[in-house]
Amino acid sequence: MNSKSIRAFIGAKNYKESRDFYNDLGFTELIIDTRMSYFKVDERLGFYLQNAYVKDWVDNSMLFLELEDLDHWRKELIKKNLKQTYKTVRISDIKIENWGREFFMHDPSGILWHFGEFKK
């Protein structure tokens, strides 16, 4: 198998708010149509945001983004004041795990993001 990328599909309780959030977070948005956008970090890493909301689906959606400098990225997220702009956004402290370190962020719809850095 000669793979190039893997892309998750996530939903949004409020599509416009979620689009604004991911743009503010620093992703690049590619609009596909009025009900879907692709948000990317680079050419290999990204996800589809849909104007669709099923509570059980969204409440159980999680994404993991591996980072090289977890401390720096968390500080950058805090500087963006996302919790002040988006009332339901939460960012946790960094936790140490047996595999490495991570912190969590909930997006405006409740999607749980894991930001992690594996042990070297």
Protein backbone atom coordinates (compact mmCIF):
# COMPACT_ATOMS: atom_id res chain seq x y z
CA MET A 1 0.00 0.00 0.00
CA ASN A 2 1.46 3.32 -1.07
CA SER A 3 -0.42 5.70 1.26
CA LYS A 4 -0.29 9.48 1.20
CA SER A 5 -2.55 10.59 4.06
CA ILE A 6 -5.38 9.66 6.38
CA ARG A 7 -8.23 12.10 7.00
CA ALA A 8 -10.92 11.96 9.66
CA PHE A 9 -14.44 13.38 9.31
CA ILE A 10 -15.80 15.35 12.27
CA GLY A 11 -19.10 17.12 12.86
CA ALA A 12 -20.00 20.56 14.14
CA LYS A 13 -22.78 21.71 16.42
CA ASN A 14 -22.44 25.22 14.94
CA TYR A 15 -20.65 24.96 11.60
CA LYS A 16 -19.72 28.66 11.29
CA GLU A 17 -18.35 28.80 14.84
CA SER A 18 -16.31 25.62 14.29
CA ARG A 19 -14.92 26.96 11.00
CA ASP A 20 -13.93 30.21 12.73
CA PHE A 21 -12.36 28.22 15.58
CA TYR A 22 -10.17 26.05 13.33
CA ASN A 23 -9.09 29.09 11.31
CA ASP A 24 -8.19 30.89 14.57
CA LEU A 25 -6.34 27.78 15.71
CA GLY A 26 -4.06 28.10 12.68
CA PHE A 27 -5.31 25.41 10.30
CA THR A 28 -5.61 26.22 6.58
CA GLU A 29 -9.19 25.85 5.33
CA LEU A 30 -10.08 24.52 1.90
CA ILE A 31 -13.81 24.95 1.30
CA ILE A 32 -15.26 21.92 -0.47
CA ASP A 33 -18.88 23.07 -0.57
CA THR A 34 -21.40 24.85 1.69
CA ARG A 35 -21.52 21.87 4.08
CA MET A 36 -17.90 20.73 4.27
CA SER A 37 -14.37 22.11 4.55
CA TYR A 38 -10.99 20.45 4.74
CA PHE A 39 -8.66 21.85 7.43
CA LYS A 40 -4.99 21.03 7.09
CA VAL A 41 -1.70 21.51 8.90
CA ASP A 42 0.31 20.51 5.84
CA GLU A 43 -0.18 18.34 2.76
CA ARG A 44 -0.44 15.11 4.78
CA LEU A 45 -2.22 16.16 7.97
CA GLY A 46 -5.80 17.34 8.07
CA PHE A 47 -9.46 16.54 8.61
CA TYR A 48 -12.88 17.23 7.12
CA LEU A 49 -15.30 19.40 9.08
CA GLN A 50 -18.92 18.75 8.19
CA ASN A 51 -22.02 20.83 8.75
CA ALA A 52 -23.57 17.83 10.47
CA TYR A 53 -24.25 17.16 14.13
CA VAL A 54 -25.17 13.87 15.76
CA LYS A 55 -24.65 14.28 19.50
CA ASP A 56 -23.47 10.70 20.21
CA TRP A 57 -21.03 10.84 17.29
CA VAL A 58 -19.55 14.24 18.16
CA ASP A 59 -19.44 13.50 21.90
CA ASN A 60 -17.32 10.41 21.14
CA SER A 61 -15.02 11.91 18.48
CA MET A 62 -11.34 12.30 19.32
CA LEU A 63 -8.31 13.31 17.28
CA PHE A 64 -4.64 12.92 18.21
CA LEU A 65 -2.02 15.32 16.88
CA GLU A 66 1.60 14.41 17.57
CA LEU A 67 3.85 17.41 18.17
CA GLU A 68 7.59 17.87 18.52
CA ASP A 69 7.46 20.64 21.15
CA LEU A 70 4.40 20.15 23.33
CA ASP A 71 5.24 22.98 25.76
CA HIS A 72 5.61 25.51 22.95
CA TRP A 73 2.38 24.47 21.21
CA ARG A 74 0.35 24.65 24.45
CA LYS A 75 1.71 28.15 25.17
CA GLU A 76 0.75 29.21 21.63
CA LEU A 77 -2.80 27.90 22.11
CA ILE A 78 -3.13 29.75 25.41
CA LYS A 79 -1.93 33.00 23.72
CA LYS A 80 -4.74 32.71 21.15
CA ASN A 81 -7.35 33.29 23.93
CA LEU A 82 -9.55 30.57 22.44
CA LYS A 83 -11.28 29.98 25.80
CA GLN A 84 -12.39 33.62 25.88
CA THR A 85 -13.63 33.68 22.27
CA TYR A 86 -15.27 30.23 22.29
CA LYS A 87 -17.05 29.67 25.60
CA THR A 88 -17.07 25.84 25.51
CA VAL A 89 -13.37 25.42 24.58
CA ARG A 90 -11.25 23.90 27.32
CA ILE A 91 -7.48 23.33 27.39
CA SER A 92 -5.97 21.05 30.04
CA ASP A 93 -2.62 21.05 31.75
CA ILE A 94 0.09 18.75 30.39
CA LYS A 95 -0.10 15.21 31.76
CA ILE A 96 2.83 12.80 31.93
CA GLU A 97 2.02 9.29 30.69
CA ASN A 98 4.18 6.16 30.39
CA TRP A 99 4.42 6.71 26.60
CA GLY A 100 5.13 10.47 26.75
CA ARG A 101 3.21 13.66 27.53
CA GLU A 102 -0.08 15.15 26.37
CA PHE A 103 -2.70 17.81 26.93
CA PHE A 104 -6.32 17.97 25.83
CA MET A 105 -8.52 20.52 24.14
CA HIS A 106 -12.28 20.44 23.50
CA ASP A 107 -13.41 22.31 20.39
CA PRO A 108 -16.66 24.35 20.36
CA SER A 109 -18.73 21.25 19.53
CA GLY A 110 -17.05 19.02 22.12
CA ILE A 111 -14.61 17.16 19.85
CA LEU A 112 -11.73 16.04 22.09
CA TRP A 113 -8.25 16.77 20.77
CA HIS A 114 -5.20 15.01 22.22
CA PHE A 115 -1.93 16.87 21.62
CA GLY A 116 0.95 14.55 22.40
CA GLU A 117 4.69 14.17 22.39
CA PHE A 118 6.10 10.63 22.51
CA LYS A 119 9.17 9.76 24.56
CA LYS A 120 12.37 9.80 22.56
